[in-house]
Amino acid sequence: MASALADPNIQKFLKWTAILTAVMVVGFSTYHFISGGAEESGELHYRTGNLRLEDGDFQAALTEFNLLLEEDIANPAGLLGRALALKELGRLDEALEDVSTAIELKPDFAAVYANRGIILDHLGHYEEAILDYRKAVQLDPELGEGPDWITRFLRNQAESPPTIIDRANYLESELKKPSAERLLSDPEEDAKQRSYKLEGILSD
């Protein structure tokens, strides 16, 4: 074996094999970075942002979604995620701008309509909120059902929280009353509203 490796032709073959292997590895890594690296990085920021939302660290979530949108400014899911963080930070006008842009980019994005309805609701634009609640459920009827019993069990919720349909129905009934008799905002009940992300319901 040693004598075979000492053969100049074998050594030359092994040398060029090593060089070609190195070139292929570098080339593949470069191609992967250019073609897919940004997308994978964006997916990581999106997942991390959603985890920070669930943890209640809304400023960290905002940072992650901002990083995602720096790479892909027209990403509807990223805009939705940033809107949820902004909403929780009390920056409702900015959140409304993001969800409205997401809807322009993806008009069939049911979760964005649900969240825009919630934001409009908080801003006191009740008629517009109702329209978005209805539109969200029209696009995805499951959004009107709320979490199933397994999800509620895992979250230690004895009762199902109010759904966007519950809220829409309530607002419609209140708006039919004389102005002086309406109760359109109830902080305790409003706090039970839930935000919606692309994959499903996300706790506030």
C-alpha atoms as a PDB file:
ATOM      1  CA  MET A   1       0.000   0.000   0.000  1.00  0.00           C
ATOM      2  CA  ALA A   2       2.823   2.381   0.918  1.00  0.00           C
ATOM      3  CA  SER A   3       4.581   1.724  -2.404  1.00  0.00           C
ATOM      4  CA  ALA A   4       1.344   2.450  -4.274  1.00  0.00           C
ATOM      5  CA  LEU A   5       0.965   5.806  -2.496  1.00  0.00           C
ATOM      6  CA  ALA A   6       4.562   6.632  -3.413  1.00  0.00           C
ATOM      7  CA  ASP A   7       3.689   6.374  -7.108  1.00  0.00           C
ATOM      8  CA  PRO A   8       3.807   9.943  -8.547  1.00  0.00           C
ATOM      9  CA  ASN A   9       0.710   9.309 -10.637  1.00  0.00           C
ATOM     10  CA  ILE A  10      -1.276   8.178  -7.574  1.00  0.00           C
ATOM     11  CA  GLN A  11      -0.063  11.211  -5.616  1.00  0.00           C
ATOM     12  CA  LYS A  12      -1.088  13.515  -8.467  1.00  0.00           C
ATOM     13  CA  PHE A  13      -4.509  11.854  -8.652  1.00  0.00           C
ATOM     14  CA  LEU A  14      -5.070  12.193  -4.899  1.00  0.00           C
ATOM     15  CA  LYS A  15      -3.911  15.822  -4.958  1.00  0.00           C
ATOM     16  CA  TRP A  16      -6.363  16.808  -7.702  1.00  0.00           C
ATOM     17  CA  THR A  17      -9.144  14.796  -6.070  1.00  0.00           C
ATOM     18  CA  ALA A  18      -8.620  16.751  -2.843  1.00  0.00           C
ATOM     19  CA  ILE A  19      -8.586  20.072  -4.746  1.00  0.00           C
ATOM     20  CA  LEU A  20     -11.747  19.247  -6.670  1.00  0.00           C
ATOM     21  CA  THR A  21     -13.490  18.125  -3.478  1.00  0.00           C
ATOM     22  CA  ALA A  22     -12.579  21.394  -1.763  1.00  0.00           C
ATOM     23  CA  VAL A  23     -13.787  23.423  -4.761  1.00  0.00           C
ATOM     24  CA  MET A  24     -17.089  21.537  -4.793  1.00  0.00           C
ATOM     25  CA  VAL A  25     -17.617  22.064  -1.065  1.00  0.00           C
ATOM     26  CA  VAL A  26     -16.901  25.797  -1.308  1.00  0.00           C
ATOM     27  CA  GLY A  27     -19.048  26.101  -4.415  1.00  0.00           C
ATOM     28  CA  PHE A  28     -21.987  24.299  -2.840  1.00  0.00           C
ATOM     29  CA  SER A  29     -21.732  26.378   0.332  1.00  0.00           C
ATOM     30  CA  THR A  30     -21.662  29.601  -1.694  1.00  0.00           C
ATOM     31  CA  TYR A  31     -24.640  28.535  -3.795  1.00  0.00           C
ATOM     32  CA  HIS A  32     -26.549  27.462  -0.685  1.00  0.00           C
ATOM     33  CA  PHE A  33     -25.883  30.827   0.967  1.00  0.00           C
ATOM     34  CA  ILE A  34     -26.935  32.828  -2.105  1.00  0.00           C
ATOM     35  CA  SER A  35     -30.011  30.785  -3.017  1.00  0.00           C
ATOM     36  CA  GLY A  36     -31.298  29.557   0.309  1.00  0.00           C
ATOM     37  CA  GLY A  37     -29.412  31.125   3.163  1.00  0.00           C
ATOM     38  CA  ALA A  38     -31.551  34.242   3.345  1.00  0.00           C
ATOM     39  CA  GLU A  39     -34.752  32.222   3.256  1.00  0.00           C
ATOM     40  CA  GLU A  40     -33.577  29.930   6.053  1.00  0.00           C
ATOM     41  CA  SER A  41     -32.451  32.925   8.079  1.00  0.00           C
ATOM     42  CA  GLY A  42     -35.874  34.505   7.575  1.00  0.00           C
ATOM     43  CA  GLU A  43     -37.599  31.329   8.704  1.00  0.00           C
ATOM     44  CA  LEU A  44     -35.426  31.289  11.827  1.00  0.00           C
ATOM     45  CA  HIS A  45     -36.305  34.903  12.639  1.00  0.00           C
ATOM     46  CA  TYR A  46     -39.990  34.100  12.085  1.00  0.00           C
ATOM     47  CA  ARG A  47     -39.943  31.074  14.401  1.00  0.00           C
ATOM     48  CA  THR A  48     -37.934  32.920  17.036  1.00  0.00           C
ATOM     49  CA  GLY A  49     -40.232  35.925  16.795  1.00  0.00           C
ATOM     50  CA  ASN A  50     -43.272  33.750  17.376  1.00  0.00           C
ATOM     51  CA  LEU A  51     -41.592  32.098  20.374  1.00  0.00           C
ATOM     52  CA  ARG A  52     -40.849  35.529  21.856  1.00  0.00           C
ATOM     53  CA  LEU A  53     -44.495  36.495  21.349  1.00  0.00           C
ATOM     54  CA  GLU A  54     -45.601  33.386  23.216  1.00  0.00           C
ATOM     55  CA  ASP A  55     -43.081  34.179  25.978  1.00  0.00           C
ATOM     56  CA  GLY A  56     -44.489  37.693  26.274  1.00  0.00           C
ATOM     57  CA  ASP A  57     -41.161  39.290  25.297  1.00  0.00           C
ATOM     58  CA  PHE A  58     -42.691  41.614  22.729  1.00  0.00           C
ATOM     59  CA  GLN A  59     -39.660  43.860  22.247  1.00  0.00           C
ATOM     60  CA  ALA A  60     -37.498  40.833  21.410  1.00  0.00           C
ATOM     61  CA  ALA A  61     -40.225  39.588  19.067  1.00  0.00           C
ATOM     62  CA  LEU A  62     -40.251  42.973  17.342  1.00  0.00           C
ATOM     63  CA  THR A  63     -36.488  42.743  16.841  1.00  0.00           C
ATOM     64  CA  GLU A  64     -36.773  39.300  15.225  1.00  0.00           C
ATOM     65  CA  PHE A  65     -39.543  40.344  12.846  1.00  0.00           C
ATOM     66  CA  ASN A  66     -37.632  43.508  11.933  1.00  0.00           C
ATOM     67  CA  LEU A  67     -34.628  41.336  11.018  1.00  0.00           C
ATOM     68  CA  LEU A  68     -36.852  39.114   8.891  1.00  0.00           C
ATOM     69  CA  LEU A  69     -38.341  42.115   7.094  1.00  0.00           C
ATOM     70  CA  GLU A  70     -34.898  43.578   6.447  1.00  0.00           C
ATOM     71  CA  GLU A  71     -34.287  40.470   4.327  1.00  0.00           C
ATOM     72  CA  ASP A  72     -37.781  40.296   2.819  1.00  0.00           C
ATOM     73  CA  ILE A  73     -39.761  43.520   3.150  1.00  0.00           C
ATOM     74  CA  ALA A  74     -42.781  42.009   1.374  1.00  0.00           C
ATOM     75  CA  ASN A  75     -43.227  38.991   3.647  1.00  0.00           C
ATOM     76  CA  PRO A  76     -46.894  38.871   4.788  1.00  0.00           C
ATOM     77  CA  ALA A  77     -46.230  36.500   7.690  1.00  0.00           C
ATOM     78  CA  GLY A  78     -43.379  38.712   8.878  1.00  0.00           C
ATOM     79  CA  LEU A  79     -45.581  41.798   8.666  1.00  0.00           C
ATOM     80  CA  LEU A  80     -48.258  40.006  10.675  1.00  0.00           C
ATOM     81  CA  GLY A  81     -45.734  38.966  13.314  1.00  0.00           C
ATOM     82  CA  ARG A  82     -44.405  42.491  13.629  1.00  0.00           C
ATOM     83  CA  ALA A  83     -47.948  43.840  13.858  1.00  0.00           C
ATOM     84  CA  LEU A  84     -48.689  41.484  16.769  1.00  0.00           C
ATOM     85  CA  ALA A  85     -45.580  42.682  18.598  1.00  0.00           C
ATOM     86  CA  LEU A  86     -46.417  46.324  17.905  1.00  0.00           C
ATOM     87  CA  LYS A  87     -49.987  45.798  19.106  1.00  0.00           C
ATOM     88  CA  GLU A  88     -48.802  44.347  22.388  1.00  0.00           C
ATOM     89  CA  LEU A  89     -46.406  47.276  22.792  1.00  0.00           C
ATOM     90  CA  GLY A  90     -49.322  49.679  22.376  1.00  0.00           C
ATOM     91  CA  ARG A  91     -48.217  50.936  18.957  1.00  0.00           C
ATOM     92  CA  LEU A  92     -51.586  50.333  17.337  1.00  0.00           C
ATOM     93  CA  ASP A  93     -51.275  52.721  14.379  1.00  0.00           C
ATOM     94  CA  GLU A  94     -48.033  51.081  13.272  1.00  0.00           C
ATOM     95  CA  ALA A  95     -49.574  47.632  13.782  1.00  0.00           C
ATOM     96  CA  LEU A  96     -52.542  48.647  11.632  1.00  0.00           C
ATOM     97  CA  GLU A  97     -50.208  49.785   8.868  1.00  0.00           C
ATOM     98  CA  ASP A  98     -48.384  46.439   8.866  1.00  0.00           C
ATOM     99  CA  VAL A  99     -51.510  44.272   8.756  1.00  0.00           C
ATOM    100  CA  SER A 100     -53.017  46.432   6.019  1.00  0.00           C
ATOM    101  CA  THR A 101     -49.850  46.014   3.955  1.00  0.00           C
ATOM    102  CA  ALA A 102     -49.929  42.243   4.579  1.00  0.00           C
ATOM    103  CA  ILE A 103     -53.504  42.119   3.262  1.00  0.00           C
ATOM    104  CA  GLU A 104     -52.487  44.022   0.127  1.00  0.00           C
ATOM    105  CA  LEU A 105     -49.742  41.464  -0.461  1.00  0.00           C
ATOM    106  CA  LYS A 106     -51.873  38.419   0.415  1.00  0.00           C
ATOM    107  CA  PRO A 107     -55.617  39.203   0.127  1.00  0.00           C
ATOM    108  CA  ASP A 108     -56.642  35.682   1.193  1.00  0.00           C
ATOM    109  CA  PHE A 109     -54.622  35.780   4.457  1.00  0.00           C
ATOM    110  CA  ALA A 110     -57.446  35.068   6.931  1.00  0.00           C
ATOM    111  CA  ALA A 111     -55.356  35.475  10.089  1.00  0.00           C
ATOM    112  CA  VAL A 112     -54.409  39.013   9.085  1.00  0.00           C
ATOM    113  CA  TYR A 113     -58.056  40.040   8.726  1.00  0.00           C
ATOM    114  CA  ALA A 114     -58.732  38.626  12.194  1.00  0.00           C
ATOM    115  CA  ASN A 115     -55.859  40.610  13.688  1.00  0.00           C
ATOM    116  CA  ARG A 116     -56.703  43.786  11.806  1.00  0.00           C
ATOM    117  CA  GLY A 117     -60.208  43.439  13.217  1.00  0.00           C
ATOM    118  CA  ILE A 118     -58.775  43.225  16.738  1.00  0.00           C
ATOM    119  CA  ILE A 119     -56.560  46.257  16.166  1.00  0.00           C
ATOM    120  CA  LEU A 120     -59.422  48.281  14.669  1.00  0.00           C
ATOM    121  CA  ASP A 121     -61.544  47.172  17.614  1.00  0.00           C
ATOM    122  CA  HIS A 122     -58.951  48.526  20.064  1.00  0.00           C
ATOM    123  CA  LEU A 123     -58.791  51.773  18.088  1.00  0.00           C
ATOM    124  CA  GLY A 124     -62.552  52.177  18.362  1.00  0.00           C
ATOM    125  CA  HIS A 125     -63.309  51.581  14.676  1.00  0.00           C
ATOM    126  CA  TYR A 126     -66.012  49.053  15.462  1.00  0.00           C
ATOM    127  CA  GLU A 127     -67.865  48.857  12.134  1.00  0.00           C
ATOM    128  CA  GLU A 128     -64.600  48.226  10.273  1.00  0.00           C
ATOM    129  CA  ALA A 129     -63.586  45.656  12.885  1.00  0.00           C
ATOM    130  CA  ILE A 130     -66.815  43.721  12.347  1.00  0.00           C
ATOM    131  CA  LEU A 131     -66.195  43.624   8.589  1.00  0.00           C
ATOM    132  CA  ASP A 132     -62.707  42.198   9.126  1.00  0.00           C
ATOM    133  CA  TYR A 133     -63.919  39.638  11.678  1.00  0.00           C
ATOM    134  CA  ARG A 134     -66.534  38.414   9.197  1.00  0.00           C
ATOM    135  CA  LYS A 135     -64.049  38.372   6.334  1.00  0.00           C
ATOM    136  CA  ALA A 136     -61.559  36.316   8.358  1.00  0.00           C
ATOM    137  CA  VAL A 137     -64.150  33.646   9.125  1.00  0.00           C
ATOM    138  CA  GLN A 138     -65.377  33.660   5.539  1.00  0.00           C
ATOM    139  CA  LEU A 139     -61.831  32.836   4.399  1.00  0.00           C
ATOM    140  CA  ASP A 140     -61.155  30.346   7.213  1.00  0.00           C
ATOM    141  CA  PRO A 141     -64.214  29.136   9.186  1.00  0.00           C
ATOM    142  CA  GLU A 142     -61.973  27.517  11.812  1.00  0.00           C
ATOM    143  CA  LEU A 143     -60.958  30.979  13.029  1.00  0.00           C
ATOM    144  CA  GLY A 144     -64.507  31.408  14.297  1.00  0.00           C
ATOM    145  CA  GLU A 145     -64.459  28.222  16.351  1.00  0.00           C
ATOM    146  CA  GLY A 146     -61.734  29.024  18.884  1.00  0.00           C
ATOM    147  CA  PRO A 147     -59.313  26.435  20.348  1.00  0.00           C
ATOM    148  CA  ASP A 148     -60.428  22.824  20.717  1.00  0.00           C
ATOM    149  CA  TRP A 149     -60.687  21.095  24.120  1.00  0.00           C
ATOM    150  CA  ILE A 150     -57.199  19.593  23.841  1.00  0.00           C
ATOM    151  CA  THR A 151     -55.647  23.028  23.327  1.00  0.00           C
ATOM    152  CA  ARG A 152     -57.692  24.419  26.222  1.00  0.00           C
ATOM    153  CA  PHE A 153     -56.582  21.503  28.412  1.00  0.00           C
ATOM    154  CA  LEU A 154     -52.920  22.175  27.617  1.00  0.00           C
ATOM    155  CA  ARG A 155     -53.463  25.861  28.431  1.00  0.00           C
ATOM    156  CA  ASN A 156     -55.429  25.069  31.575  1.00  0.00           C
ATOM    157  CA  GLN A 157     -58.512  26.872  30.214  1.00  0.00           C
ATOM    158  CA  ALA A 158     -61.768  25.556  31.616  1.00  0.00           C
ATOM    159  CA  GLU A 159     -63.839  27.624  29.191  1.00  0.00           C
ATOM    160  CA  SER A 160     -63.300  28.554  25.578  1.00  0.00           C
ATOM    161  CA  PRO A 161     -62.238  32.205  25.226  1.00  0.00           C
ATOM    162  CA  PRO A 162     -64.471  34.516  23.168  1.00  0.00           C
ATOM    163  CA  THR A 163     -63.991  34.150  19.427  1.00  0.00           C
ATOM    164  CA  ILE A 164     -63.940  36.865  16.797  1.00  0.00           C
ATOM    165  CA  ILE A 165     -67.479  35.826  15.845  1.00  0.00           C
ATOM    166  CA  ASP A 166     -68.571  36.273  19.462  1.00  0.00           C
ATOM    167  CA  ARG A 167     -67.029  39.731  19.401  1.00  0.00           C
ATOM    168  CA  ALA A 168     -68.564  40.640  16.038  1.00  0.00           C
ATOM    169  CA  ASN A 169     -72.013  39.556  17.211  1.00  0.00           C
ATOM    170  CA  TYR A 170     -71.618  41.504  20.454  1.00  0.00           C
ATOM    171  CA  LEU A 171     -70.510  44.673  18.661  1.00  0.00           C
ATOM    172  CA  GLU A 172     -73.390  44.445  16.201  1.00  0.00           C
ATOM    173  CA  SER A 173     -75.916  44.093  19.018  1.00  0.00           C
ATOM    174  CA  GLU A 174     -74.434  47.046  20.920  1.00  0.00           C
ATOM    175  CA  LEU A 175     -74.297  49.283  17.857  1.00  0.00           C
ATOM    176  CA  LYS A 176     -78.047  48.815  17.405  1.00  0.00           C
ATOM    177  CA  LYS A 177     -78.658  50.453  20.785  1.00  0.00           C
ATOM    178  CA  PRO A 178     -78.888  54.206  21.359  1.00  0.00           C
ATOM    179  CA  SER A 179     -75.431  55.747  21.765  1.00  0.00           C
ATOM    180  CA  ALA A 180     -75.905  56.409  25.473  1.00  0.00           C
ATOM    181  CA  GLU A 181     -76.687  52.752  26.162  1.00  0.00           C
ATOM    182  CA  ARG A 182     -73.815  51.155  24.264  1.00  0.00           C
ATOM    183  CA  LEU A 183     -71.012  49.289  26.017  1.00  0.00           C
ATOM    184  CA  LEU A 184     -68.503  48.758  23.246  1.00  0.00           C
ATOM    185  CA  SER A 185     -65.364  48.464  25.318  1.00  0.00           C
ATOM    186  CA  ASP A 186     -64.906  46.360  28.450  1.00  0.00           C
ATOM    187  CA  PRO A 187     -61.231  46.131  29.509  1.00  0.00           C
ATOM    188  CA  GLU A 188     -61.734  42.836  31.329  1.00  0.00           C
ATOM    189  CA  GLU A 189     -63.471  41.174  28.391  1.00  0.00           C
ATOM    190  CA  ASP A 190     -61.257  42.865  25.790  1.00  0.00           C
ATOM    191  CA  ALA A 191     -58.194  41.399  27.520  1.00  0.00           C
ATOM    192  CA  LYS A 192     -59.499  37.918  26.686  1.00  0.00           C
ATOM    193  CA  GLN A 193     -59.267  38.530  22.945  1.00  0.00           C
ATOM    194  CA  ARG A 194     -56.695  36.372  21.226  1.00  0.00           C
ATOM    195  CA  SER A 195     -54.330  37.182  18.388  1.00  0.00           C
ATOM    196  CA  TYR A 196     -54.012  34.942  15.340  1.00  0.00           C
ATOM    197  CA  LYS A 197     -50.853  33.924  13.509  1.00  0.00           C
ATOM    198  CA  LEU A 198     -50.377  32.026  10.268  1.00  0.00           C
ATOM    199  CA  GLU A 199     -50.452  28.534  11.799  1.00  0.00           C
ATOM    200  CA  GLY A 200     -53.279  29.194  14.257  1.00  0.00           C
ATOM    201  CA  ILE A 201     -54.166  30.971  17.460  1.00  0.00           C
ATOM    202  CA  LEU A 202     -51.484  32.671  19.518  1.00  0.00           C
ATOM    203  CA  SER A 203     -52.128  33.653  23.141  1.00  0.00           C
ATOM    204  CA  ASP A 204     -51.994  37.340  23.935  1.00  0.00           C
END
